[in-house]
C-alpha atoms as a PDB file:
ATOM      1  CA  MET A   1     -27.634  79.166 -24.621  1.00  0.00           C
ATOM      2  CA  PRO A   2     -24.286  80.920 -24.835  1.00  0.00           C
ATOM      3  CA  ALA A   3     -22.795  81.420 -28.273  1.00  0.00           C
ATOM      4  CA  SER A   4     -20.167  78.899 -29.332  1.00  0.00           C
ATOM      5  CA  SER A   5     -17.522  81.660 -29.399  1.00  0.00           C
ATOM      6  CA  ALA A   6     -18.258  82.543 -25.765  1.00  0.00           C
ATOM      7  CA  ASP A   7     -15.480  82.000 -23.253  1.00  0.00           C
ATOM      8  CA  PRO A   8     -16.557  79.352 -20.712  1.00  0.00           C
ATOM      9  CA  GLU A   9     -14.491  80.924 -17.914  1.00  0.00           C
ATOM     10  CA  LEU A  10     -16.149  84.282 -18.470  1.00  0.00           C
ATOM     11  CA  HIS A  11     -19.554  82.586 -18.526  1.00  0.00           C
ATOM     12  CA  SER A  12     -18.758  80.810 -15.239  1.00  0.00           C
ATOM     13  CA  LEU A  13     -17.715  84.103 -13.633  1.00  0.00           C
ATOM     14  CA  ILE A  14     -20.956  85.780 -14.718  1.00  0.00           C
ATOM     15  CA  VAL A  15     -22.980  82.864 -13.326  1.00  0.00           C
ATOM     16  CA  ALA A  16     -21.082  83.032 -10.002  1.00  0.00           C
ATOM     17  CA  LEU A  17     -21.605  86.799  -9.794  1.00  0.00           C
ATOM     18  CA  ARG A  18     -25.298  86.424 -10.580  1.00  0.00           C
ATOM     19  CA  VAL A  19     -25.692  83.870  -7.788  1.00  0.00           C
ATOM     20  CA  PHE A  20     -23.799  86.144  -5.387  1.00  0.00           C
ATOM     21  CA  VAL A  21     -25.942  89.170  -6.301  1.00  0.00           C
ATOM     22  CA  LEU A  22     -29.173  87.165  -5.907  1.00  0.00           C
ATOM     23  CA  GLN A  23     -28.082  85.796  -2.521  1.00  0.00           C
ATOM     24  CA  THR A  24     -27.039  89.257  -1.338  1.00  0.00           C
ATOM     25  CA  LYS A  25     -30.343  90.758  -2.465  1.00  0.00           C
ATOM     26  CA  THR A  26     -32.267  87.974  -0.702  1.00  0.00           C
ATOM     27  CA  ALA A  27     -30.348  88.679   2.520  1.00  0.00           C
ATOM     28  CA  LEU A  28     -31.101  92.402   2.185  1.00  0.00           C
ATOM     29  CA  ASP A  29     -34.780  91.638   1.533  1.00  0.00           C
ATOM     30  CA  GLU A  30     -34.901  89.698   4.800  1.00  0.00           C
ATOM     31  CA  GLU A  31     -32.981  92.377   6.698  1.00  0.00           C
ATOM     32  CA  ILE A  32     -35.403  95.055   5.475  1.00  0.00           C
ATOM     33  CA  ARG A  33     -38.464  92.868   6.134  1.00  0.00           C
ATOM     34  CA  SER A  34     -37.395  92.189   9.719  1.00  0.00           C
ATOM     35  CA  TYR A  35     -36.234  95.737  10.494  1.00  0.00           C
ATOM     36  CA  PRO A  36     -37.887  97.054  13.656  1.00  0.00           C
ATOM     37  CA  THR A  37     -40.648  99.546  13.083  1.00  0.00           C
ATOM     38  CA  PRO A  38     -41.360 102.392  13.019  1.00  0.00           C
ATOM     39  CA  ILE A  39     -38.452 103.354  10.773  1.00  0.00           C
ATOM     40  CA  PRO A  40     -37.520 107.034  10.917  1.00  0.00           C
ATOM     41  CA  ARG A  41     -36.535 108.641   7.612  1.00  0.00           C
ATOM     42  CA  CYS A  42     -33.121 109.478   9.029  1.00  0.00           C
ATOM     43  CA  ASP A  43     -32.215 105.842   9.856  1.00  0.00           C
ATOM     44  CA  ALA A  44     -28.901 105.615   7.981  1.00  0.00           C
ATOM     45  CA  GLN A  45     -28.544 101.833   8.348  1.00  0.00           C
ATOM     46  CA  PHE A  46     -32.005 101.131   6.937  1.00  0.00           C
ATOM     47  CA  ASN A  47     -31.571 103.676   4.144  1.00  0.00           C
ATOM     48  CA  ALA A  48     -28.212 102.158   3.163  1.00  0.00           C
ATOM     49  CA  ALA A  49     -29.695  98.641   3.043  1.00  0.00           C
ATOM     50  CA  TYR A  50     -32.656  99.901   1.002  1.00  0.00           C
ATOM     51  CA  GLU A  51     -30.418 101.720  -1.505  1.00  0.00           C
ATOM     52  CA  GLN A  52     -28.127  98.711  -1.815  1.00  0.00           C
ATOM     53  CA  ARG A  53     -31.098  96.437  -2.471  1.00  0.00           C
ATOM     54  CA  SER A  54     -32.366  98.851  -5.127  1.00  0.00           C
ATOM     55  CA  ARG A  55     -28.967  98.850  -6.873  1.00  0.00           C
ATOM     56  CA  LEU A  56     -28.906  95.050  -6.880  1.00  0.00           C
ATOM     57  CA  ALA A  57     -32.475  94.813  -8.165  1.00  0.00           C
ATOM     58  CA  ALA A  58     -31.493  97.091 -11.053  1.00  0.00           C
ATOM     59  CA  VAL A  59     -28.528  94.950 -12.160  1.00  0.00           C
ATOM     60  CA  ILE A  60     -30.152  91.517 -11.870  1.00  0.00           C
ATOM     61  CA  PRO A  61     -31.813  91.750 -15.322  1.00  0.00           C
ATOM     62  CA  GLN A  62     -28.423  92.677 -16.798  1.00  0.00           C
ATOM     63  CA  PHE A  63     -26.855  89.594 -15.220  1.00  0.00           C
ATOM     64  CA  ASP A  64     -29.705  87.468 -16.564  1.00  0.00           C
ATOM     65  CA  ALA A  65     -29.094  88.824 -20.068  1.00  0.00           C
ATOM     66  CA  ALA A  66     -25.320  88.404 -19.749  1.00  0.00           C
ATOM     67  CA  VAL A  67     -25.684  84.734 -18.809  1.00  0.00           C
ATOM     68  CA  LYS A  68     -27.437  84.198 -22.149  1.00  0.00           C
ATOM     69  CA  GLY A  69     -25.450  86.770 -24.118  1.00  0.00           C
ATOM     70  CA  GLY A  70     -21.997  87.025 -25.609  1.00  0.00           C
ATOM     71  CA  ASP A  71     -18.670  87.990 -24.137  1.00  0.00           C
ATOM     72  CA  ALA A  72     -19.019  91.702 -24.979  1.00  0.00           C
ATOM     73  CA  GLU A  73     -22.228  91.854 -22.935  1.00  0.00           C
ATOM     74  CA  ARG A  74     -20.594  89.879 -20.118  1.00  0.00           C
ATOM     75  CA  LEU A  75     -17.597  92.200 -19.991  1.00  0.00           C
ATOM     76  CA  SER A  76     -19.933  95.186 -19.834  1.00  0.00           C
ATOM     77  CA  VAL A  77     -21.745  93.676 -16.844  1.00  0.00           C
ATOM     78  CA  LEU A  78     -18.416  92.878 -15.163  1.00  0.00           C
ATOM     79  CA  ALA A  79     -17.362  96.505 -15.588  1.00  0.00           C
ATOM     80  CA  GLU A  80     -20.645  97.687 -14.086  1.00  0.00           C
ATOM     81  CA  PHE A  81     -20.231  95.325 -11.109  1.00  0.00           C
ATOM     82  CA  ALA A  82     -16.640  96.508 -10.596  1.00  0.00           C
ATOM     83  CA  ALA A  83     -17.877 100.114 -10.458  1.00  0.00           C
ATOM     84  CA  MET A  84     -20.503  99.309  -7.812  1.00  0.00           C
ATOM     85  CA  PRO A  85     -19.689 100.079  -4.189  1.00  0.00           C
ATOM     86  CA  SER A  86     -18.740  97.101  -2.076  1.00  0.00           C
ATOM     87  CA  LEU A  87     -21.712  95.102  -0.843  1.00  0.00           C
ATOM     88  CA  GLY A  88     -19.984  94.046   2.362  1.00  0.00           C
ATOM     89  CA  ASP A  89     -16.673  92.815   3.644  1.00  0.00           C
ATOM     90  CA  GLY A  90     -17.048  89.103   2.944  1.00  0.00           C
ATOM     91  CA  VAL A  91     -14.390  86.860   1.460  1.00  0.00           C
ATOM     92  CA  ASP A  92     -16.732  85.705  -1.323  1.00  0.00           C
ATOM     93  CA  GLU A  93     -17.224  89.228  -2.607  1.00  0.00           C
ATOM     94  CA  ARG A  94     -13.521  90.013  -2.325  1.00  0.00           C
ATOM     95  CA  ASN A  95     -12.631  86.893  -4.343  1.00  0.00           C
ATOM     96  CA  LEU A  96     -15.260  87.681  -6.968  1.00  0.00           C
ATOM     97  CA  ARG A  97     -14.047  91.264  -7.273  1.00  0.00           C
ATOM     98  CA  GLU A  98     -10.469  90.022  -7.733  1.00  0.00           C
ATOM     99  CA  SER A  99     -11.655  87.665 -10.484  1.00  0.00           C
ATOM    100  CA  VAL A 100     -13.632  90.478 -12.133  1.00  0.00           C
ATOM    101  CA  ALA A 101     -10.600  92.798 -12.019  1.00  0.00           C
ATOM    102  CA  ALA A 102      -8.378  90.111 -13.558  1.00  0.00           C
ATOM    103  CA  GLU A 103     -10.902  89.406 -16.327  1.00  0.00           C
ATOM    104  CA  LEU A 104     -11.344  93.097 -17.135  1.00  0.00           C
ATOM    105  CA  SER A 105      -7.589  93.614 -17.109  1.00  0.00           C
ATOM    106  CA  ARG A 106      -7.117  90.719 -19.518  1.00  0.00           C
ATOM    107  CA  ALA A 107      -9.788  92.152 -21.812  1.00  0.00           C
ATOM    108  CA  LEU A 108      -8.296  95.672 -21.680  1.00  0.00           C
ATOM    109  CA  THR A 109      -4.761  94.502 -22.386  1.00  0.00           C
ATOM    110  CA  GLY A 110      -5.889  92.616 -25.452  1.00  0.00           C
ATOM    111  CA  GLY A 111      -5.846  89.163 -23.947  1.00  0.00           C
ATOM    112  CA  ARG A 112      -9.426  88.648 -25.101  1.00  0.00           C
ATOM    113  CA  LYS A 113     -11.603  89.997 -27.863  1.00  0.00           C
ATOM    114  CA  ALA A 114     -15.303  90.514 -27.284  1.00  0.00           C
ATOM    115  CA  ASN A 115     -16.071  87.225 -29.053  1.00  0.00           C
ATOM    116  CA  GLY A 116     -13.871  85.217 -26.686  1.00  0.00           C
ATOM    117  CA  SER A 117     -10.928  84.577 -29.003  1.00  0.00           C
ATOM    118  CA  ALA A 118      -7.399  85.558 -28.150  1.00  0.00           C
ATOM    119  CA  ALA A 119      -6.430  88.971 -29.396  1.00  0.00           C
ATOM    120  CA  PRO A 120      -2.955  90.204 -30.274  1.00  0.00           C
ATOM    121  CA  MET A 121      -1.379  92.450 -27.694  1.00  0.00           C
ATOM    122  CA  SER A 122      -1.672  96.083 -28.687  1.00  0.00           C
ATOM    123  CA  ALA A 123       0.952  98.751 -28.231  1.00  0.00           C
ATOM    124  CA  SER A 124      -0.566 101.503 -26.121  1.00  0.00           C
ATOM    125  CA  GLY A 125       1.574 104.589 -26.256  1.00  0.00           C
ATOM    126  CA  SER A 126       4.832 103.040 -25.060  1.00  0.00           C
END
């Protein structure tokens, strides 16, 4: 269960990202499973799909933990997702990435503390 200080919007975004990542990984699993054989080592399309699936498999446990964790953990996972290369050119991913960028921006500008409460705006060198 999320902590009572957790921001419900941030929790919802993490859940939506987790679902997206799981669906994308499932699609890649099927693409790899149905790839015509034999597969030469130099097949760039297959290698890209395989690497992308590996990246997703590595972050799924972090998403699972973030769903149950606090806002600091969720923000960390959002930052990691934002740093990942694009998984495709779909509208869903674009919308999620825009939401992630907005959430990270709000956190960086002091609009949110790690515990989910509003934070005072900080003066940053201006």
